[in-house]
């Protein structure tokens, strides 16, 4: 898979993916009818303050997923993976795990040897996915009245 920075013309495809992600819609407090490229652009702009990186992941010139990660989290000054979303038609085919592996490989170039992620408390399916990607639960947190499970993964030299 190859990566590239997210572009404005990707927002149409991504907004369609979001419409097929009812758990994500509920967690973000959106309505399916509200989701369009402009709304997604506004939603993504909320994360500008973290100076993160939105990446598009392609395989055979077809967009398979997106990811968002930050290098210097306000909470602990460490890298965090904030989002991984795969094309609904390609879910369950290993693309999400591969994206996590590739982001972790990129993060190995940073001075930290650990990456963090958070998962809404009730999203057991997401938690299982992160566990399958070698993340381990390290605690619980509450942010804006919502409970989250904090996870961590060591960045090892053999992450391929």
N, C-alpha and C. Protein backbone atom coordinates (compact mmCIF):
# COMPACT_ATOMS: atom_id res chain seq x y z
N UNK A 1 0.85 -1.18 0.00
CA UNK A 1 0.00 0.00 0.00
C UNK A 1 0.88 1.23 0.00
N UNK A 2 0.39 2.25 -0.63
CA UNK A 2 1.11 3.52 -0.64
C UNK A 2 0.26 4.57 0.07
N UNK A 3 0.94 5.56 0.60
CA UNK A 3 0.27 6.64 1.33
C UNK A 3 0.44 7.94 0.57
N UNK A 4 -0.48 8.82 0.82
CA UNK A 4 -0.36 10.19 0.35
C UNK A 4 -1.17 11.07 1.29
N UNK A 5 -0.90 12.35 1.26
CA UNK A 5 -1.68 13.28 2.09
C UNK A 5 -3.10 13.37 1.55
N UNK A 6 -4.02 13.51 2.46
CA UNK A 6 -5.42 13.68 2.09
C UNK A 6 -5.60 14.99 1.34
N UNK A 7 -6.40 14.97 0.29
CA UNK A 7 -6.70 16.18 -0.50
C UNK A 7 -8.18 16.50 -0.39
N UNK A 8 -8.52 17.72 -0.71
CA UNK A 8 -9.91 18.14 -0.64
C UNK A 8 -10.80 17.30 -1.55
N UNK A 9 -10.27 16.88 -2.70
CA UNK A 9 -11.10 16.08 -3.61
C UNK A 9 -11.35 14.66 -3.10
N UNK A 10 -10.71 14.24 -2.01
CA UNK A 10 -10.97 12.95 -1.38
C UNK A 10 -12.21 12.98 -0.49
N UNK A 11 -12.67 14.17 -0.14
CA UNK A 11 -13.74 14.29 0.86
C UNK A 11 -15.06 13.69 0.41
N UNK A 12 -15.33 13.67 -0.88
CA UNK A 12 -16.57 13.07 -1.38
C UNK A 12 -16.60 11.57 -1.11
N UNK A 13 -15.51 10.89 -1.42
CA UNK A 13 -15.43 9.44 -1.19
C UNK A 13 -15.51 9.16 0.31
N UNK A 14 -14.77 9.92 1.08
CA UNK A 14 -14.71 9.69 2.52
C UNK A 14 -16.07 9.95 3.17
N UNK A 15 -16.77 10.98 2.72
CA UNK A 15 -18.09 11.23 3.31
C UNK A 15 -19.04 10.08 3.02
N UNK A 16 -18.90 9.42 1.87
CA UNK A 16 -19.71 8.24 1.58
C UNK A 16 -19.36 7.09 2.53
N UNK A 17 -18.08 6.91 2.81
CA UNK A 17 -17.68 5.87 3.77
C UNK A 17 -18.30 6.13 5.13
N UNK A 18 -18.25 7.40 5.55
CA UNK A 18 -18.78 7.75 6.87
C UNK A 18 -20.27 7.43 6.96
N UNK A 19 -21.00 7.61 5.86
CA UNK A 19 -22.43 7.31 5.86
C UNK A 19 -22.69 5.82 6.12
N UNK A 20 -21.71 4.97 5.81
CA UNK A 20 -21.84 3.53 6.01
C UNK A 20 -21.18 3.07 7.31
N UNK A 21 -20.91 4.02 8.20
CA UNK A 21 -20.23 3.73 9.46
C UNK A 21 -21.08 4.25 10.61
N UNK A 22 -22.17 3.54 10.87
CA UNK A 22 -23.15 4.02 11.85
C UNK A 22 -22.57 4.18 13.25
N UNK A 23 -21.65 3.31 13.65
CA UNK A 23 -21.04 3.46 14.98
C UNK A 23 -20.25 4.76 15.05
N UNK A 24 -19.51 5.07 14.00
CA UNK A 24 -18.72 6.30 13.96
C UNK A 24 -19.65 7.51 14.00
N UNK A 25 -20.71 7.48 13.20
CA UNK A 25 -21.66 8.60 13.16
C UNK A 25 -22.21 8.87 14.56
N UNK A 26 -22.60 7.79 15.25
CA UNK A 26 -23.16 7.94 16.59
C UNK A 26 -22.13 8.53 17.55
N UNK A 27 -20.89 8.03 17.51
CA UNK A 27 -19.83 8.53 18.40
C UNK A 27 -19.54 10.01 18.16
N UNK A 28 -19.63 10.43 16.93
CA UNK A 28 -19.34 11.84 16.60
C UNK A 28 -20.56 12.74 16.79
N UNK A 29 -21.70 12.16 17.11
CA UNK A 29 -22.90 12.95 17.35
C UNK A 29 -23.47 13.58 16.09
N UNK A 30 -23.29 12.91 14.95
CA UNK A 30 -23.79 13.43 13.68
C UNK A 30 -25.02 12.65 13.24
N UNK A 31 -25.70 13.20 12.27
CA UNK A 31 -26.80 12.51 11.62
C UNK A 31 -26.36 12.12 10.22
N UNK A 32 -26.76 10.94 9.79
CA UNK A 32 -26.37 10.45 8.46
C UNK A 32 -26.72 11.47 7.37
N UNK A 33 -27.88 12.11 7.52
CA UNK A 33 -28.34 13.08 6.52
C UNK A 33 -27.44 14.32 6.46
N UNK A 34 -26.71 14.58 7.54
CA UNK A 34 -25.86 15.78 7.60
C UNK A 34 -24.51 15.58 6.91
N UNK A 35 -24.15 14.34 6.63
CA UNK A 35 -22.80 14.06 6.17
C UNK A 35 -22.67 14.35 4.68
N UNK A 36 -21.78 15.28 4.38
CA UNK A 36 -21.41 15.60 3.01
C UNK A 36 -19.97 16.10 3.04
N UNK A 37 -19.33 16.30 1.91
CA UNK A 37 -17.92 16.71 1.92
C UNK A 37 -17.64 17.98 2.71
N UNK A 38 -18.54 18.97 2.66
CA UNK A 38 -18.32 20.21 3.40
C UNK A 38 -18.37 19.97 4.90
N UNK A 39 -19.32 19.15 5.34
CA UNK A 39 -19.45 18.86 6.77
C UNK A 39 -18.22 18.09 7.27
N UNK A 40 -17.73 17.15 6.45
CA UNK A 40 -16.54 16.38 6.83
C UNK A 40 -15.33 17.30 6.90
N UNK A 41 -15.23 18.25 5.98
CA UNK A 41 -14.11 19.19 6.02
C UNK A 41 -14.14 20.02 7.30
N UNK A 42 -15.31 20.46 7.71
CA UNK A 42 -15.46 21.22 8.96
C UNK A 42 -15.09 20.32 10.14
N UNK A 43 -15.58 19.08 10.14
CA UNK A 43 -15.26 18.14 11.22
C UNK A 43 -13.76 17.92 11.31
N UNK A 44 -13.10 17.72 10.17
CA UNK A 44 -11.66 17.49 10.17
C UNK A 44 -10.89 18.72 10.67
N UNK A 45 -11.40 19.89 10.37
CA UNK A 45 -10.74 21.13 10.80
C UNK A 45 -10.70 21.24 12.33
N UNK A 46 -11.60 20.57 13.02
CA UNK A 46 -11.58 20.57 14.49
C UNK A 46 -10.28 19.97 15.02
N UNK A 47 -9.63 19.16 14.23
CA UNK A 47 -8.40 18.49 14.65
C UNK A 47 -7.14 19.27 14.25
N UNK A 48 -7.30 20.40 13.57
CA UNK A 48 -6.15 21.19 13.13
C UNK A 48 -5.25 21.61 14.29
N UNK A 49 -5.83 21.86 15.44
CA UNK A 49 -5.06 22.33 16.59
C UNK A 49 -4.02 21.31 17.06
N UNK A 50 -4.20 20.04 16.69
CA UNK A 50 -3.26 18.99 17.11
C UNK A 50 -2.10 18.81 16.13
N UNK A 51 -2.17 19.50 15.02
CA UNK A 51 -1.11 19.43 14.00
C UNK A 51 -0.85 17.98 13.59
N UNK A 52 -1.92 17.25 13.38
CA UNK A 52 -1.82 15.85 12.98
C UNK A 52 -1.69 15.68 11.47
N UNK A 53 -1.63 14.44 11.07
CA UNK A 53 -1.44 14.10 9.66
C UNK A 53 -2.58 13.20 9.21
N UNK A 54 -3.32 13.65 8.20
CA UNK A 54 -4.36 12.86 7.57
C UNK A 54 -3.73 12.19 6.35
N UNK A 55 -3.79 10.89 6.29
CA UNK A 55 -3.23 10.15 5.17
C UNK A 55 -4.31 9.33 4.48
N UNK A 56 -4.15 9.20 3.17
CA UNK A 56 -4.98 8.32 2.35
C UNK A 56 -4.10 7.15 1.96
N UNK A 57 -4.67 5.95 2.06
CA UNK A 57 -3.92 4.72 1.76
C UNK A 57 -4.53 4.07 0.53
N UNK A 58 -3.67 3.81 -0.47
CA UNK A 58 -4.13 3.23 -1.73
C UNK A 58 -3.45 1.89 -1.98
N UNK A 59 -4.19 1.03 -2.65
CA UNK A 59 -3.67 -0.25 -3.10
C UNK A 59 -4.16 -0.44 -4.53
N UNK A 60 -3.24 -0.67 -5.44
CA UNK A 60 -3.59 -0.80 -6.86
C UNK A 60 -4.40 0.41 -7.37
N UNK A 61 -3.96 1.60 -6.97
CA UNK A 61 -4.56 2.88 -7.38
C UNK A 61 -6.01 3.04 -6.94
N UNK A 62 -6.40 2.29 -5.92
CA UNK A 62 -7.74 2.39 -5.37
C UNK A 62 -7.62 2.78 -3.89
N UNK A 63 -8.40 3.77 -3.46
CA UNK A 63 -8.36 4.21 -2.07
C UNK A 63 -8.97 3.13 -1.20
N UNK A 64 -8.18 2.66 -0.22
CA UNK A 64 -8.62 1.61 0.69
C UNK A 64 -8.91 2.12 2.09
N UNK A 65 -8.26 3.22 2.49
CA UNK A 65 -8.48 3.70 3.84
C UNK A 65 -7.89 5.08 4.07
N UNK A 66 -8.20 5.62 5.25
CA UNK A 66 -7.62 6.88 5.71
C UNK A 66 -7.14 6.68 7.14
N UNK A 67 -6.21 7.51 7.52
CA UNK A 67 -5.75 7.48 8.91
C UNK A 67 -5.43 8.90 9.35
N UNK A 68 -5.43 9.06 10.66
CA UNK A 68 -5.05 10.33 11.27
C UNK A 68 -4.17 10.00 12.46
N UNK A 69 -3.01 10.66 12.54
CA UNK A 69 -2.15 10.47 13.70
C UNK A 69 -1.48 11.80 14.05
N UNK A 70 -1.12 11.90 15.33
CA UNK A 70 -0.40 13.08 15.80
C UNK A 70 0.90 12.62 16.45
N UNK A 71 1.89 13.48 16.39
CA UNK A 71 3.20 13.14 16.94
C UNK A 71 3.38 13.60 18.38
N UNK A 72 2.65 14.64 18.76
CA UNK A 72 2.88 15.28 20.05
C UNK A 72 1.54 15.60 20.72
N UNK A 73 0.95 14.59 21.31
CA UNK A 73 -0.37 14.74 21.93
C UNK A 73 -0.33 15.74 23.09
N UNK A 74 -1.36 16.56 23.23
CA UNK A 74 -1.41 17.46 24.39
C UNK A 74 -1.44 16.71 25.72
N UNK A 75 -1.97 15.48 25.72
CA UNK A 75 -2.13 14.76 26.99
C UNK A 75 -0.82 14.19 27.53
N UNK A 76 0.05 13.71 26.64
CA UNK A 76 1.29 13.10 27.15
C UNK A 76 2.53 13.36 26.28
N UNK A 77 2.38 14.22 25.28
CA UNK A 77 3.50 14.59 24.39
C UNK A 77 4.05 13.39 23.62
N UNK A 78 3.20 12.39 23.37
CA UNK A 78 3.59 11.18 22.65
C UNK A 78 2.73 11.03 21.39
N UNK A 79 3.14 10.16 20.47
CA UNK A 79 2.33 9.91 19.27
C UNK A 79 1.03 9.16 19.60
N UNK A 80 -0.03 9.52 18.88
CA UNK A 80 -1.33 8.87 19.01
C UNK A 80 -1.88 8.60 17.62
N UNK A 81 -2.51 7.46 17.45
CA UNK A 81 -3.30 7.19 16.25
C UNK A 81 -4.73 7.53 16.61
N UNK A 82 -5.28 8.51 15.91
CA UNK A 82 -6.60 9.01 16.25
C UNK A 82 -7.72 8.39 15.44
N UNK A 83 -7.39 7.87 14.25
CA UNK A 83 -8.44 7.30 13.42
C UNK A 83 -7.85 6.41 12.34
N UNK A 84 -8.53 5.34 12.09
CA UNK A 84 -8.29 4.50 10.91
C UNK A 84 -9.67 4.12 10.40
N UNK A 85 -9.93 4.41 9.13
CA UNK A 85 -11.19 4.00 8.53
C UNK A 85 -10.89 3.37 7.17
N UNK A 86 -11.54 2.24 6.93
CA UNK A 86 -11.36 1.50 5.69
C UNK A 86 -12.64 1.58 4.88
N UNK A 87 -12.48 1.60 3.56
CA UNK A 87 -13.62 1.57 2.64
C UNK A 87 -14.56 0.45 3.10
N UNK A 88 -15.85 0.75 3.29
CA UNK A 88 -16.78 -0.27 3.77
C UNK A 88 -16.77 -1.56 2.94
N UNK A 89 -16.50 -1.46 1.65
CA UNK A 89 -16.47 -2.65 0.79
C UNK A 89 -15.23 -3.51 1.04
N UNK A 90 -14.22 -2.93 1.68
CA UNK A 90 -12.95 -3.65 1.89
C UNK A 90 -12.70 -4.00 3.35
N UNK A 91 -13.66 -3.78 4.21
CA UNK A 91 -13.48 -4.11 5.63
C UNK A 91 -13.41 -5.62 5.82
N UNK A 92 -12.58 -6.02 6.76
CA UNK A 92 -12.42 -7.43 7.04
C UNK A 92 -11.40 -8.12 6.14
N UNK A 93 -10.68 -7.34 5.34
CA UNK A 93 -9.70 -7.91 4.41
C UNK A 93 -8.26 -7.57 4.81
N UNK A 94 -8.07 -7.04 6.03
CA UNK A 94 -6.72 -6.77 6.53
C UNK A 94 -6.18 -5.39 6.24
N UNK A 95 -6.94 -4.54 5.57
CA UNK A 95 -6.42 -3.20 5.25
C UNK A 95 -6.23 -2.35 6.51
N UNK A 96 -7.14 -2.44 7.46
CA UNK A 96 -6.99 -1.66 8.69
C UNK A 96 -5.73 -2.04 9.45
N UNK A 97 -5.49 -3.33 9.58
CA UNK A 97 -4.26 -3.79 10.26
C UNK A 97 -3.03 -3.32 9.51
N UNK A 98 -3.07 -3.41 8.19
CA UNK A 98 -1.91 -2.99 7.40
C UNK A 98 -1.67 -1.49 7.58
N UNK A 99 -2.72 -0.70 7.60
CA UNK A 99 -2.56 0.75 7.81
C UNK A 99 -1.91 1.01 9.17
N UNK A 100 -2.39 0.33 10.21
CA UNK A 100 -1.78 0.48 11.55
C UNK A 100 -0.30 0.13 11.49
N UNK A 101 0.06 -0.98 10.84
CA UNK A 101 1.46 -1.38 10.73
C UNK A 101 2.28 -0.29 10.03
N UNK A 102 1.75 0.26 8.95
CA UNK A 102 2.49 1.26 8.19
C UNK A 102 2.64 2.58 8.96
N UNK A 103 1.59 2.98 9.68
CA UNK A 103 1.70 4.18 10.51
C UNK A 103 2.73 3.94 11.61
N UNK A 104 2.71 2.77 12.22
CA UNK A 104 3.69 2.45 13.27
C UNK A 104 5.10 2.46 12.71
N UNK A 105 5.28 1.98 11.51
CA UNK A 105 6.60 2.01 10.89
C UNK A 105 7.06 3.47 10.70
N UNK A 106 6.14 4.35 10.28
CA UNK A 106 6.49 5.77 10.15
C UNK A 106 6.88 6.35 11.51
N UNK A 107 6.15 5.96 12.55
CA UNK A 107 6.40 6.52 13.88
C UNK A 107 7.70 6.01 14.49
N UNK A 108 8.25 4.93 13.98
CA UNK A 108 9.54 4.43 14.48
C UNK A 108 10.64 5.45 14.24
N UNK A 109 10.44 6.35 13.29
CA UNK A 109 11.44 7.37 13.00
C UNK A 109 11.44 8.48 14.05
N UNK A 110 10.42 8.48 14.89
CA UNK A 110 10.31 9.48 15.95
C UNK A 110 11.07 8.98 17.18
N UNK A 111 11.40 9.88 18.13
CA UNK A 111 12.19 9.45 19.29
C UNK A 111 11.47 8.51 20.25
N UNK A 112 10.14 8.48 20.22
CA UNK A 112 9.40 7.63 21.15
C UNK A 112 9.32 6.20 20.62
N UNK A 113 9.24 5.25 21.53
CA UNK A 113 9.11 3.86 21.10
C UNK A 113 7.73 3.29 21.45
N UNK A 114 6.75 4.19 21.51
CA UNK A 114 5.39 3.78 21.88
C UNK A 114 4.40 4.68 21.15
N UNK A 115 3.24 4.11 20.84
CA UNK A 115 2.15 4.88 20.24
C UNK A 115 0.89 4.57 21.04
N UNK A 116 0.04 5.55 21.15
CA UNK A 116 -1.19 5.42 21.93
C UNK A 116 -2.41 5.51 21.01
N UNK A 117 -3.53 5.02 21.53
CA UNK A 117 -4.82 5.14 20.85
C UNK A 117 -5.89 5.20 21.93
N UNK A 118 -7.03 5.71 21.55
CA UNK A 118 -8.17 5.74 22.46
C UNK A 118 -9.37 5.12 21.78
N UNK A 119 -10.25 4.53 22.58
CA UNK A 119 -11.43 3.87 22.03
C UNK A 119 -12.61 4.19 22.93
N UNK A 120 -13.73 4.67 22.35
CA UNK A 120 -14.90 4.86 23.19
C UNK A 120 -15.24 3.58 23.94
N UNK A 121 -15.61 3.73 25.19
CA UNK A 121 -15.81 2.61 26.11
C UNK A 121 -16.74 1.54 25.56
N UNK A 122 -17.78 1.94 24.87
CA UNK A 122 -18.80 0.98 24.41
C UNK A 122 -18.49 0.37 23.04
N UNK A 123 -17.42 0.78 22.40
CA UNK A 123 -17.11 0.27 21.06
C UNK A 123 -16.23 -0.98 21.14
N UNK A 124 -16.82 -2.08 21.52
CA UNK A 124 -16.09 -3.33 21.72
C UNK A 124 -15.45 -3.81 20.42
N UNK A 125 -16.14 -3.64 19.31
CA UNK A 125 -15.60 -4.05 18.01
C UNK A 125 -14.31 -3.29 17.69
N UNK A 126 -14.28 -2.00 17.98
CA UNK A 126 -13.08 -1.20 17.74
C UNK A 126 -11.96 -1.64 18.67
N UNK A 127 -12.33 -1.92 19.91
CA UNK A 127 -11.35 -2.37 20.89
C UNK A 127 -10.72 -3.70 20.46
N UNK A 128 -11.52 -4.60 19.96
CA UNK A 128 -10.99 -5.88 19.46
C UNK A 128 -10.05 -5.66 18.28
N UNK A 129 -10.40 -4.74 17.41
CA UNK A 129 -9.54 -4.43 16.28
C UNK A 129 -8.18 -3.92 16.77
N UNK A 130 -8.18 -2.98 17.70
CA UNK A 130 -6.92 -2.45 18.23
C UNK A 130 -6.12 -3.53 18.95
N UNK A 131 -6.79 -4.40 19.67
CA UNK A 131 -6.09 -5.51 20.33
C UNK A 131 -5.45 -6.43 19.29
N UNK A 132 -6.13 -6.66 18.18
CA UNK A 132 -5.57 -7.50 17.11
C UNK A 132 -4.37 -6.82 16.45
N UNK A 133 -4.26 -5.50 16.62
CA UNK A 133 -3.13 -4.73 16.08
C UNK A 133 -2.05 -4.51 17.14
N UNK A 134 -2.07 -5.32 18.19
CA UNK A 134 -1.06 -5.33 19.25
C UNK A 134 -1.13 -4.16 20.22
N UNK A 135 -2.28 -3.51 20.31
CA UNK A 135 -2.47 -2.49 21.35
C UNK A 135 -2.94 -3.19 22.62
N UNK A 136 -2.51 -2.65 23.76
CA UNK A 136 -2.94 -3.17 25.05
C UNK A 136 -3.59 -2.06 25.86
N UNK A 137 -4.63 -2.43 26.59
CA UNK A 137 -5.32 -1.46 27.43
C UNK A 137 -4.41 -1.03 28.57
N UNK A 138 -4.34 0.29 28.79
CA UNK A 138 -3.52 0.79 29.89
C UNK A 138 -4.32 1.63 30.88
N UNK A 139 -5.57 1.91 30.56
CA UNK A 139 -6.35 2.69 31.51
C UNK A 139 -7.65 3.18 30.92
N UNK A 140 -8.38 3.93 31.74
CA UNK A 140 -9.63 4.54 31.34
C UNK A 140 -9.52 6.04 31.51
N UNK A 141 -10.29 6.78 30.73
CA UNK A 141 -10.29 8.23 30.84
C UNK A 141 -11.69 8.72 30.52
N UNK A 142 -12.03 9.88 31.03
CA UNK A 142 -13.30 10.52 30.71
C UNK A 142 -13.00 11.88 30.12
N UNK A 143 -13.59 12.14 28.97
CA UNK A 143 -13.38 13.40 28.26
C UNK A 143 -14.73 13.90 27.79
N UNK A 144 -15.10 15.10 28.21
CA UNK A 144 -16.39 15.69 27.86
C UNK A 144 -17.55 14.76 28.20
N UNK A 145 -17.45 14.08 29.33
CA UNK A 145 -18.52 13.22 29.79
C UNK A 145 -18.56 11.84 29.14
N UNK A 146 -17.64 11.56 28.23
CA UNK A 146 -17.60 10.25 27.57
C UNK A 146 -16.41 9.45 28.09
N UNK A 147 -16.64 8.15 28.31
CA UNK A 147 -15.57 7.28 28.81
C UNK A 147 -14.81 6.65 27.65
N UNK A 148 -13.50 6.63 27.80
CA UNK A 148 -12.62 6.07 26.77
C UNK A 148 -11.66 5.06 27.40
N UNK A 149 -11.30 4.07 26.63
CA UNK A 149 -10.25 3.14 27.00
C UNK A 149 -8.97 3.61 26.33
N UNK A 150 -7.92 3.78 27.12
CA UNK A 150 -6.62 4.18 26.58
C UNK A 150 -5.81 2.92 26.30
N UNK A 151 -5.14 2.92 25.15
CA UNK A 151 -4.35 1.76 24.74
C UNK A 151 -2.97 2.22 24.32
N UNK A 152 -2.02 1.30 24.36
CA UNK A 152 -0.66 1.60 23.94
C UNK A 152 -0.10 0.41 23.17
N UNK A 153 0.84 0.71 22.31
CA UNK A 153 1.54 -0.33 21.54
C UNK A 153 3.00 0.07 21.44
N UNK A 154 3.87 -0.87 21.78
CA UNK A 154 5.30 -0.62 21.61
C UNK A 154 5.64 -0.61 20.12
N UNK A 155 6.55 0.27 19.76
CA UNK A 155 7.04 0.33 18.39
C UNK A 155 8.35 -0.46 18.35
N UNK A 156 8.31 -1.62 17.80
CA UNK A 156 9.46 -2.51 17.78
C UNK A 156 10.17 -2.45 16.44
N UNK A 157 11.47 -2.68 16.42
CA UNK A 157 12.23 -2.61 15.16
C UNK A 157 11.72 -3.58 14.09
N UNK A 158 11.07 -4.65 14.49
CA UNK A 158 10.60 -5.62 13.49
C UNK A 158 9.17 -5.34 13.01
N UNK A 159 8.61 -4.16 13.31
CA UNK A 159 7.28 -3.81 12.79
C UNK A 159 7.37 -3.69 11.28
N UNK A 160 6.83 -4.62 10.59
CA UNK A 160 6.90 -4.60 9.12
C UNK A 160 5.53 -4.64 8.55
